[in-house]
Every structure is written in structure tokens, then in C-alpha cells.
Amino acid sequence: MDVWDNDFLDFVQEPHFTFQDRSDGEIAFGALKGFLDVRYGTRDGSACAEFSWEGHDENDPSCGRGWAMIGTAGRLVGHFYIHHGDDSAFVCERG
């Protein structure tokens, strides 16, 4: 992620971004854990997942939105937004 360093990302658990079923998923990094509401479509002519999320950040309710798509070398790339907070581009590799 552009905004947070690896020490922060690994703070509570291994950071992960998971898409499940047709419209669900989960994201976790730092002290944030959120559950996704996913919609699949296209962005700039490529397949894309756009999502809203809600969960907790340091035990405080939190929510936001984002998008993800398959980039170069099969990596997941996108952008993650915290409502009234930070946002960051990200790149994920399959674990």
C-alpha cells in the first residue's frame, strides 16, 4: 500500500484481501478488519471488482469503498478508501 508501511500492515494479523462467493469478501490490515459488498464489472475495458466495506479499525466502526482488478503478473491492483479518512493504492500477490 502507498500510505502504510509493512510494519503497520502486519500489526494484528497477516494482511489479506479475499473475494468470496458472488458478492462477499474480507479485507484486513493493521488494526482494520472489514467485510466487503462486491459488484463485478469493467474499468477501462478490463474486468474489475468494485466494493463497499464496513467493519472496525482499532475497535471503532469504520467503512469505505474501493476497487480492484488483475494487473501485471497476475497481481491484484486497486485503490482502498476509508470514509472520511485515508486512502491508498495497493498491490496484492496471491498467498
PDB file of N, CA and C in Angstrom:
ATOM      1  N   MET A   1       0.850  -1.178   0.000  1.00  0.00           N
ATOM      2  CA  MET A   1       0.000   0.000   0.000  1.00  0.00           C
ATOM      3  C   MET A   1       0.892   1.237   0.000  1.00  0.00           C
ATOM      4  N   ASP A   2       0.421   2.271  -0.611  1.00  0.00           N
ATOM      5  CA  ASP A   2       1.194   3.510  -0.708  1.00  0.00           C
ATOM      6  C   ASP A   2       1.305   4.251   0.623  1.00  0.00           C
ATOM      7  N   VAL A   3       0.281   4.185   1.457  1.00  0.00           N
ATOM      8  CA  VAL A   3       0.206   5.034   2.640  1.00  0.00           C
ATOM      9  C   VAL A   3       0.804   4.377   3.888  1.00  0.00           C
ATOM     10  N   TRP A   4       0.641   3.068   4.038  1.00  0.00           N
ATOM     11  CA  TRP A   4       1.050   2.386   5.259  1.00  0.00           C
ATOM     12  C   TRP A   4       2.240   1.477   4.994  1.00  0.00           C
ATOM     13  N   ASP A   5       3.192   1.423   5.927  1.00  0.00           N
ATOM     14  CA  ASP A   5       4.363   0.566   5.750  1.00  0.00           C
ATOM     15  C   ASP A   5       4.068  -0.864   6.207  1.00  0.00           C
ATOM     16  N   ASN A   6       4.974  -1.796   5.913  1.00  0.00           N
ATOM     17  CA  ASN A   6       4.758  -3.209   6.214  1.00  0.00           C
ATOM     18  C   ASN A   6       4.606  -3.491   7.703  1.00  0.00           C
ATOM     19  N   ASP A   7       5.318  -2.764   8.558  1.00  0.00           N
ATOM     20  CA  ASP A   7       5.164  -2.974   9.997  1.00  0.00           C
ATOM     21  C   ASP A   7       3.732  -2.683  10.436  1.00  0.00           C
ATOM     22  N   PHE A   8       3.149  -1.607   9.912  1.00  0.00           N
ATOM     23  CA  PHE A   8       1.760  -1.288  10.244  1.00  0.00           C
ATOM     24  C   PHE A   8       0.803  -2.324   9.659  1.00  0.00           C
ATOM     25  N   LEU A   9       1.015  -2.691   8.398  1.00  0.00           N
ATOM     26  CA  LEU A   9       0.118  -3.643   7.744  1.00  0.00           C
ATOM     27  C   LEU A   9       0.047  -4.965   8.496  1.00  0.00           C
ATOM     28  N   ASP A  10       1.168  -5.413   9.075  1.00  0.00           N
ATOM     29  CA  ASP A  10       1.252  -6.686   9.799  1.00  0.00           C
ATOM     30  C   ASP A  10       0.912  -6.566  11.279  1.00  0.00           C
ATOM     31  N   PHE A  11       0.437  -5.425  11.738  1.00  0.00           N
ATOM     32  CA  PHE A  11       0.276  -5.137  13.158  1.00  0.00           C
ATOM     33  C   PHE A  11      -0.545  -6.186  13.924  1.00  0.00           C
ATOM     34  N   VAL A  12      -1.712  -6.574  13.451  1.00  0.00           N
ATOM     35  CA  VAL A  12      -2.587  -7.513  14.173  1.00  0.00           C
ATOM     36  C   VAL A  12      -2.543  -8.905  13.561  1.00  0.00           C
ATOM     37  N   GLN A  13      -2.572  -8.981  12.261  1.00  0.00           N
ATOM     38  CA  GLN A  13      -2.574 -10.264  11.564  1.00  0.00           C
ATOM     39  C   GLN A  13      -1.973 -10.066  10.183  1.00  0.00           C
ATOM     40  N   GLU A  14      -1.743 -11.161   9.479  1.00  0.00           N
ATOM     41  CA  GLU A  14      -1.226 -11.042   8.125  1.00  0.00           C
ATOM     42  C   GLU A  14      -2.259 -10.306   7.274  1.00  0.00           C
ATOM     43  N   PRO A  15      -1.847  -9.246   6.588  1.00  0.00           N
ATOM     44  CA  PRO A  15      -2.808  -8.514   5.763  1.00  0.00           C
ATOM     45  C   PRO A  15      -3.334  -9.402   4.639  1.00  0.00           C
ATOM     46  N   HIS A  16      -4.623  -9.265   4.359  1.00  0.00           N
ATOM     47  CA  HIS A  16      -5.199 -10.035   3.260  1.00  0.00           C
ATOM     48  C   HIS A  16      -6.414  -9.342   2.680  1.00  0.00           C
ATOM     49  N   PHE A  17      -6.681  -9.699   1.440  1.00  0.00           N
ATOM     50  CA  PHE A  17      -7.810  -9.210   0.676  1.00  0.00           C
ATOM     51  C   PHE A  17      -8.418 -10.446   0.047  1.00  0.00           C
ATOM     52  N   THR A  18      -9.648 -10.782   0.392  1.00  0.00           N
ATOM     53  CA  THR A  18     -10.260 -12.023  -0.064  1.00  0.00           C
ATOM     54  C   THR A  18     -11.616 -11.743  -0.697  1.00  0.00           C
ATOM     55  N   PHE A  19     -11.819 -12.268  -1.896  1.00  0.00           N
ATOM     56  CA  PHE A  19     -13.141 -12.232  -2.522  1.00  0.00           C
ATOM     57  C   PHE A  19     -13.767 -13.602  -2.362  1.00  0.00           C
ATOM     58  N   GLN A  20     -15.024 -13.638  -1.915  1.00  0.00           N
ATOM     59  CA  GLN A  20     -15.725 -14.895  -1.674  1.00  0.00           C
ATOM     60  C   GLN A  20     -17.060 -14.870  -2.402  1.00  0.00           C
ATOM     61  N   ASP A  21     -17.494 -16.025  -2.828  1.00  0.00           N
ATOM     62  CA  ASP A  21     -18.803 -16.172  -3.463  1.00  0.00           C
ATOM     63  C   ASP A  21     -19.001 -15.131  -4.561  1.00  0.00           C
ATOM     64  N   ARG A  22     -20.235 -14.701  -4.749  1.00  0.00           N
ATOM     65  CA  ARG A  22     -20.539 -13.772  -5.840  1.00  0.00           C
ATOM     66  C   ARG A  22     -20.488 -12.308  -5.420  1.00  0.00           C
ATOM     67  N   SER A  23     -20.637 -12.026  -4.110  1.00  0.00           N
ATOM     68  CA  SER A  23     -20.702 -10.617  -3.723  1.00  0.00           C
ATOM     69  C   SER A  23     -20.097 -10.313  -2.351  1.00  0.00           C
ATOM     70  N   ASP A  24     -19.362 -11.244  -1.795  1.00  0.00           N
ATOM     71  CA  ASP A  24     -18.798 -11.049  -0.459  1.00  0.00           C
ATOM     72  C   ASP A  24     -17.276 -11.065  -0.498  1.00  0.00           C
ATOM     73  N   GLY A  25     -16.684 -10.605   0.592  1.00  0.00           N
ATOM     74  CA  GLY A  25     -15.245 -10.659   0.740  1.00  0.00           C
ATOM     75  C   GLY A  25     -14.825 -10.070   2.062  1.00  0.00           C
ATOM     76  N   GLU A  26     -13.510  -9.993   2.253  1.00  0.00           N
ATOM     77  CA  GLU A  26     -12.968  -9.505   3.515  1.00  0.00           C
ATOM     78  C   GLU A  26     -11.628  -8.833   3.249  1.00  0.00           C
ATOM     79  N   ILE A  27     -11.343  -7.802   4.032  1.00  0.00           N
ATOM     80  CA  ILE A  27     -10.038  -7.160   3.990  1.00  0.00           C
ATOM     81  C   ILE A  27      -9.559  -6.981   5.430  1.00  0.00           C
ATOM     82  N   ALA A  28      -8.269  -7.184   5.631  1.00  0.00           N
ATOM     83  CA  ALA A  28      -7.677  -6.973   6.956  1.00  0.00           C
ATOM     84  C   ALA A  28      -6.253  -6.483   6.784  1.00  0.00           C
ATOM     85  N   PHE A  29      -5.894  -5.450   7.527  1.00  0.00           N
ATOM     86  CA  PHE A  29      -4.519  -4.956   7.615  1.00  0.00           C
ATOM     87  C   PHE A  29      -4.457  -4.017   8.803  1.00  0.00           C
ATOM     88  N   GLY A  30      -3.275  -3.891   9.396  1.00  0.00           N
ATOM     89  CA  GLY A  30      -3.140  -3.055  10.584  1.00  0.00           C
ATOM     90  C   GLY A  30      -4.124  -3.504  11.642  1.00  0.00           C
ATOM     91  N   ALA A  31      -4.914  -2.579  12.167  1.00  0.00           N
ATOM     92  CA  ALA A  31      -5.958  -2.907  13.135  1.00  0.00           C
ATOM     93  C   ALA A  31      -7.335  -2.849  12.491  1.00  0.00           C
ATOM     94  N   LEU A  32      -7.377  -2.847  11.151  1.00  0.00           N
ATOM     95  CA  LEU A  32      -8.636  -2.758  10.421  1.00  0.00           C
ATOM     96  C   LEU A  32      -9.070  -4.139   9.945  1.00  0.00           C
ATOM     97  N   LYS A  33     -10.354  -4.428  10.102  1.00  0.00           N
ATOM     98  CA  LYS A  33     -10.944  -5.625   9.512  1.00  0.00           C
ATOM     99  C   LYS A  33     -12.296  -5.220   8.964  1.00  0.00           C
ATOM    100  N   GLY A  34     -12.521  -5.506   7.689  1.00  0.00           N
ATOM    101  CA  GLY A  34     -13.763  -5.115   7.059  1.00  0.00           C
ATOM    102  C   GLY A  34     -14.337  -6.216   6.197  1.00  0.00           C
ATOM    103  N   PHE A  35     -15.641  -6.152   6.031  1.00  0.00           N
ATOM    104  CA  PHE A  35     -16.368  -7.115   5.210  1.00  0.00           C
ATOM    105  C   PHE A  35     -16.881  -6.399   3.972  1.00  0.00           C
ATOM    106  N   LEU A  36     -16.678  -7.021   2.811  1.00  0.00           N
ATOM    107  CA  LEU A  36     -16.947  -6.397   1.521  1.00  0.00           C
ATOM    108  C   LEU A  36     -18.326  -6.731   0.985  1.00  0.00           C
ATOM    109  N   ASP A  37     -18.901  -5.774   0.270  1.00  0.00           N
ATOM    110  CA  ASP A  37     -20.081  -5.959  -0.572  1.00  0.00           C
ATOM    111  C   ASP A  37     -19.589  -5.667  -1.986  1.00  0.00           C
ATOM    112  N   VAL A  38     -19.437  -6.703  -2.811  1.00  0.00           N
ATOM    113  CA  VAL A  38     -18.726  -6.606  -4.089  1.00  0.00           C
ATOM    114  C   VAL A  38     -19.699  -6.609  -5.271  1.00  0.00           C
ATOM    115  N   ARG A  39     -19.375  -5.801  -6.273  1.00  0.00           N
ATOM    116  CA  ARG A  39     -20.069  -5.797  -7.561  1.00  0.00           C
ATOM    117  C   ARG A  39     -18.996  -5.943  -8.642  1.00  0.00           C
ATOM    118  N   TYR A  40     -19.201  -6.838  -9.576  1.00  0.00           N
ATOM    119  CA  TYR A  40     -18.231  -7.087 -10.641  1.00  0.00           C
ATOM    120  C   TYR A  40     -18.668  -6.385 -11.914  1.00  0.00           C
ATOM    121  N   GLY A  41     -17.697  -5.832 -12.631  1.00  0.00           N
ATOM    122  CA  GLY A  41     -17.965  -5.134 -13.876  1.00  0.00           C
ATOM    123  C   GLY A  41     -16.678  -4.923 -14.632  1.00  0.00           C
ATOM    124  N   THR A  42     -16.559  -3.765 -15.301  1.00  0.00           N
ATOM    125  CA  THR A  42     -15.348  -3.435 -16.039  1.00  0.00           C
ATOM    126  C   THR A  42     -14.886  -2.031 -15.677  1.00  0.00           C
ATOM    127  N   ARG A  43     -13.595  -1.806 -15.834  1.00  0.00           N
ATOM    128  CA  ARG A  43     -12.979  -0.496 -15.608  1.00  0.00           C
ATOM    129  C   ARG A  43     -11.898  -0.350 -16.670  1.00  0.00           C
ATOM    130  N   ASP A  44     -11.987   0.690 -17.468  1.00  0.00           N
ATOM    131  CA  ASP A  44     -11.021   0.912 -18.551  1.00  0.00           C
ATOM    132  C   ASP A  44     -10.894  -0.316 -19.450  1.00  0.00           C
ATOM    133  N   GLY A  45     -12.006  -1.017 -19.689  1.00  0.00           N
ATOM    134  CA  GLY A  45     -12.018  -2.167 -20.579  1.00  0.00           C
ATOM    135  C   GLY A  45     -11.544  -3.473 -19.971  1.00  0.00           C
ATOM    136  N   SER A  46     -11.222  -3.493 -18.681  1.00  0.00           N
ATOM    137  CA  SER A  46     -10.766  -4.719 -18.010  1.00  0.00           C
ATOM    138  C   SER A  46     -11.740  -5.104 -16.900  1.00  0.00           C
ATOM    139  N   ALA A  47     -11.787  -6.398 -16.602  1.00  0.00           N
ATOM    140  CA  ALA A  47     -12.644  -6.881 -15.521  1.00  0.00           C
ATOM    141  C   ALA A  47     -12.241  -6.213 -14.211  1.00  0.00           C
ATOM    142  N   CYS A  48     -13.225  -5.868 -13.397  1.00  0.00           N
ATOM    143  CA  CYS A  48     -12.977  -5.124 -12.170  1.00  0.00           C
ATOM    144  C   CYS A  48     -13.985  -5.525 -11.100  1.00  0.00           C
ATOM    145  N   ALA A  49     -13.553  -5.459  -9.866  1.00  0.00           N
ATOM    146  CA  ALA A  49     -14.444  -5.623  -8.719  1.00  0.00           C
ATOM    147  C   ALA A  49     -14.505  -4.282  -7.996  1.00  0.00           C
ATOM    148  N   GLU A  50     -15.693  -3.732  -7.861  1.00  0.00           N
ATOM    149  CA  GLU A  50     -15.886  -2.517  -7.071  1.00  0.00           C
ATOM    150  C   GLU A  50     -16.599  -2.930  -5.805  1.00  0.00           C
ATOM    151  N   PHE A  51     -16.242  -2.315  -4.684  1.00  0.00           N
ATOM    152  CA  PHE A  51     -16.810  -2.762  -3.424  1.00  0.00           C
ATOM    153  C   PHE A  51     -17.019  -1.607  -2.455  1.00  0.00           C
ATOM    154  N   SER A  52     -17.978  -1.812  -1.569  1.00  0.00           N
ATOM    155  CA  SER A  52     -18.071  -1.011  -0.362  1.00  0.00           C
ATOM    156  C   SER A  52     -17.691  -1.958   0.773  1.00  0.00           C
ATOM    157  N   TRP A  53     -17.330  -1.402   1.905  1.00  0.00           N
ATOM    158  CA  TRP A  53     -16.954  -2.253   3.031  1.00  0.00           C
ATOM    159  C   TRP A  53     -17.369  -1.588   4.343  1.00  0.00           C
ATOM    160  N   GLU A  54     -17.576  -2.430   5.342  1.00  0.00           N
ATOM    161  CA  GLU A  54     -17.795  -1.926   6.690  1.00  0.00           C
ATOM    162  C   GLU A  54     -17.139  -2.878   7.667  1.00  0.00           C
ATOM    163  N   GLY A  55     -16.702  -2.340   8.786  1.00  0.00           N
ATOM    164  CA  GLY A  55     -16.018  -3.148   9.778  1.00  0.00           C
ATOM    165  C   GLY A  55     -15.542  -2.299  10.925  1.00  0.00           C
ATOM    166  N   HIS A  56     -14.339  -2.594  11.416  1.00  0.00           N
ATOM    167  CA  HIS A  56     -13.769  -1.889  12.560  1.00  0.00           C
ATOM    168  C   HIS A  56     -12.301  -1.556  12.303  1.00  0.00           C
ATOM    169  N   ASP A  57     -11.894  -0.419  12.818  1.00  0.00           N
ATOM    170  CA  ASP A  57     -10.500  -0.006  12.798  1.00  0.00           C
ATOM    171  C   ASP A  57     -10.155   0.391  14.230  1.00  0.00           C
ATOM    172  N   GLU A  58      -9.298  -0.394  14.876  1.00  0.00           N
ATOM    173  CA  GLU A  58      -8.976  -0.194  16.290  1.00  0.00           C
ATOM    174  C   GLU A  58     -10.248  -0.171  17.138  1.00  0.00           C
ATOM    175  N   ASN A  59     -11.167  -1.079  16.879  1.00  0.00           N
ATOM    176  CA  ASN A  59     -12.429  -1.252  17.604  1.00  0.00           C
ATOM    177  C   ASN A  59     -13.442  -0.143  17.358  1.00  0.00           C
ATOM    178  N   ASP A  60     -13.130   0.819  16.496  1.00  0.00           N
ATOM    179  CA  ASP A  60     -14.092   1.856  16.130  1.00  0.00           C
ATOM    180  C   ASP A  60     -14.768   1.463  14.831  1.00  0.00           C
ATOM    181  N   PRO A  61     -16.095   1.657  14.735  1.00  0.00           N
ATOM    182  CA  PRO A  61     -16.771   1.358  13.468  1.00  0.00           C
ATOM    183  C   PRO A  61     -16.134   2.156  12.338  1.00  0.00           C
ATOM    184  N   SER A  62     -16.011   1.514  11.179  1.00  0.00           N
ATOM    185  CA  SER A  62     -15.388   2.152  10.033  1.00  0.00           C
ATOM    186  C   SER A  62     -16.024   1.608   8.761  1.00  0.00           C
ATOM    187  N   CYS A  63     -15.935   2.375   7.681  1.00  0.00           N
ATOM    188  CA  CYS A  63     -16.498   1.928   6.405  1.00  0.00           C
ATOM    189  C   CYS A  63     -15.781   2.645   5.274  1.00  0.00           C
ATOM    190  N   GLY A  64     -16.072   2.243   4.058  1.00  0.00           N
ATOM    191  CA  GLY A  64     -15.468   2.883   2.904  1.00  0.00           C
ATOM    192  C   GLY A  64     -15.831   2.178   1.620  1.00  0.00           C
ATOM    193  N   ARG A  65     -14.947   2.330   0.636  1.00  0.00           N
ATOM    194  CA  ARG A  65     -15.184   1.769  -0.690  1.00  0.00           C
ATOM    195  C   ARG A  65     -13.850   1.479  -1.340  1.00  0.00           C
ATOM    196  N   GLY A  66     -13.884   0.910  -2.537  1.00  0.00           N
ATOM    197  CA  GLY A  66     -12.666   0.672  -3.289  1.00  0.00           C
ATOM    198  C   GLY A  66     -12.932  -0.096  -4.557  1.00  0.00           C
ATOM    199  N   TRP A  67     -11.865  -0.418  -5.236  1.00  0.00           N
ATOM    200  CA  TRP A  67     -11.942  -1.220  -6.461  1.00  0.00           C
ATOM    201  C   TRP A  67     -10.661  -2.024  -6.593  1.00  0.00           C
ATOM    202  N   ALA A  68     -10.750  -3.102  -7.360  1.00  0.00           N
ATOM    203  CA  ALA A  68      -9.594  -3.968  -7.604  1.00  0.00           C
ATOM    204  C   ALA A  68      -9.727  -4.617  -8.967  1.00  0.00           C
ATOM    205  N   MET A  69      -8.574  -4.851  -9.616  1.00  0.00           N
ATOM    206  CA  MET A  69      -8.549  -5.548 -10.897  1.00  0.00           C
ATOM    207  C   MET A  69      -7.233  -6.308 -11.020  1.00  0.00           C
ATOM    208  N   ILE A  70      -7.193  -7.263 -11.919  1.00  0.00           N
ATOM    209  CA  ILE A  70      -5.973  -8.031 -12.144  1.00  0.00           C
ATOM    210  C   ILE A  70      -5.022  -7.169 -12.970  1.00  0.00           C
ATOM    211  N   GLY A  71      -3.813  -6.975 -12.448  1.00  0.00           N
ATOM    212  CA  GLY A  71      -2.802  -6.174 -13.127  1.00  0.00           C
ATOM    213  C   GLY A  71      -1.723  -7.055 -13.726  1.00  0.00           C
ATOM    214  N   THR A  72      -0.549  -6.492 -13.874  1.00  0.00           N
ATOM    215  CA  THR A  72       0.573  -7.218 -14.464  1.00  0.00           C
ATOM    216  C   THR A  72       0.999  -8.369 -13.561  1.00  0.00           C
ATOM    217  N   ALA A  73       1.497  -9.405 -14.165  1.00  0.00           N
ATOM    218  CA  ALA A  73       1.993 -10.594 -13.467  1.00  0.00           C
ATOM    219  C   ALA A  73       0.940 -11.227 -12.566  1.00  0.00           C
ATOM    220  N   GLY A  74      -0.346 -11.018 -12.888  1.00  0.00           N
ATOM    221  CA  GLY A  74      -1.415 -11.645 -12.118  1.00  0.00           C
ATOM    222  C   GLY A  74      -1.654 -11.039 -10.749  1.00  0.00           C
ATOM    223  N   ARG A  75      -1.066  -9.893 -10.473  1.00  0.00           N
ATOM    224  CA  ARG A  75      -1.269  -9.231  -9.181  1.00  0.00           C
ATOM    225  C   ARG A  75      -2.617  -8.513  -9.166  1.00  0.00           C
ATOM    226  N   LEU A  76      -3.191  -8.404  -7.981  1.00  0.00           N
ATOM    227  CA  LEU A  76      -4.414  -7.650  -7.772  1.00  0.00           C
ATOM    228  C   LEU A  76      -4.015  -6.212  -7.465  1.00  0.00           C
ATOM    229  N   VAL A  77      -4.482  -5.261  -8.239  1.00  0.00           N
ATOM    230  CA  VAL A  77      -4.175  -3.850  -8.022  1.00  0.00           C
ATOM    231  C   VAL A  77      -5.471  -3.083  -7.841  1.00  0.00           C
ATOM    232  N   GLY A  78      -5.413  -2.005  -7.101  1.00  0.00           N
ATOM    233  CA  GLY A  78      -6.619  -1.214  -6.901  1.00  0.00           C
ATOM    234  C   GLY A  78      -6.398  -0.043  -5.980  1.00  0.00           C
ATOM    235  N   HIS A  79      -7.504   0.426  -5.424  1.00  0.00           N
ATOM    236  CA  HIS A  79      -7.466   1.566  -4.511  1.00  0.00           C
ATOM    237  C   HIS A  79      -8.481   1.327  -3.408  1.00  0.00           C
ATOM    238  N   PHE A  80      -8.091   1.659  -2.177  1.00  0.00           N
ATOM    239  CA  PHE A  80      -8.886   1.426  -0.980  1.00  0.00           C
ATOM    240  C   PHE A  80      -9.134   2.768  -0.294  1.00  0.00           C
ATOM    241  N   TYR A  81     -10.395   3.053   0.068  1.00  0.00           N
ATOM    242  CA  TYR A  81     -10.771   4.316   0.689  1.00  0.00           C
ATOM    243  C   TYR A  81     -11.437   4.068   2.034  1.00  0.00           C
ATOM    244  N   ILE A  82     -11.029   4.834   3.051  1.00  0.00           N
ATOM    245  CA  ILE A  82     -11.695   4.843   4.346  1.00  0.00           C
ATOM    246  C   ILE A  82     -12.559   6.097   4.384  1.00  0.00           C
ATOM    247  N   HIS A  83     -13.855   5.943   4.652  1.00  0.00           N
ATOM    248  CA  HIS A  83     -14.793   7.071   4.681  1.00  0.00           C
ATOM    249  C   HIS A  83     -14.298   8.130   5.668  1.00  0.00           C
ATOM    250  N   HIS A  84     -14.149   9.352   5.204  1.00  0.00           N
ATOM    251  CA  HIS A  84     -13.630  10.479   5.996  1.00  0.00           C
ATOM    252  C   HIS A  84     -12.245  10.192   6.565  1.00  0.00           C
ATOM    253  N   GLY A  85     -11.425   9.448   5.814  1.00  0.00           N
ATOM    254  CA  GLY A  85     -10.086   9.099   6.302  1.00  0.00           C
ATOM    255  C   GLY A  85      -9.102   8.942   5.155  1.00  0.00           C
ATOM    256  N   ASP A  86      -8.101   8.102   5.381  1.00  0.00           N
ATOM    257  CA  ASP A  86      -7.044   7.872   4.394  1.00  0.00           C
ATOM    258  C   ASP A  86      -7.544   7.063   3.210  1.00  0.00           C
ATOM    259  N   ASP A  87      -6.769   7.097   2.153  1.00  0.00           N
ATOM    260  CA  ASP A  87      -6.974   6.208   1.019  1.00  0.00           C
ATOM    261  C   ASP A  87      -5.607   5.818   0.495  1.00  0.00           C
ATOM    262  N   SER A  88      -5.553   4.671  -0.177  1.00  0.00           N
ATOM    263  CA  SER A  88      -4.264   4.183  -0.651  1.00  0.00           C
ATOM    264  C   SER A  88      -4.437   3.278  -1.854  1.00  0.00           C
ATOM    265  N   ALA A  89      -3.514   3.407  -2.793  1.00  0.00           N
ATOM    266  CA  ALA A  89      -3.399   2.408  -3.858  1.00  0.00           C
ATOM    267  C   ALA A  89      -2.815   1.153  -3.221  1.00  0.00           C
ATOM    268  N   PHE A  90      -3.064  -0.007  -3.823  1.00  0.00           N
ATOM    269  CA  PHE A  90      -2.492  -1.249  -3.296  1.00  0.00           C
ATOM    270  C   PHE A  90      -2.164  -2.210  -4.408  1.00  0.00           C
ATOM    271  N   VAL A  91      -1.266  -3.114  -4.119  1.00  0.00           N
ATOM    272  CA  VAL A  91      -0.914  -4.246  -4.985  1.00  0.00           C
ATOM    273  C   VAL A  91      -0.863  -5.468  -4.088  1.00  0.00           C
ATOM    274  N   CYS A  92      -1.575  -6.526  -4.461  1.00  0.00           N
ATOM    275  CA  CYS A  92      -1.588  -7.769  -3.687  1.00  0.00           C
ATOM    276  C   CYS A  92      -1.049  -8.908  -4.531  1.00  0.00           C
ATOM    277  N   GLU A  93      -0.331  -9.802  -3.893  1.00  0.00           N
ATOM    278  CA  GLU A  93       0.120 -11.022  -4.548  1.00  0.00           C
ATOM    279  C   GLU A  93      -0.607 -12.190  -3.920  1.00  0.00           C
ATOM    280  N   ARG A  94      -0.923 -13.175  -4.736  1.00  0.00           N
ATOM    281  CA  ARG A  94      -1.619 -14.360  -4.247  1.00  0.00           C
ATOM    282  C   ARG A  94      -0.744 -15.065  -3.217  1.00  0.00           C
ATOM    283  N   GLY A  95      -1.340 -15.391  -2.070  1.00  0.00           N
ATOM    284  CA  GLY A  95      -0.596 -16.011  -0.978  1.00  0.00           C
ATOM    285  C   GLY A  95      -0.605 -17.497  -0.993  1.00  0.00           C
TER     286      GLY A  95
END
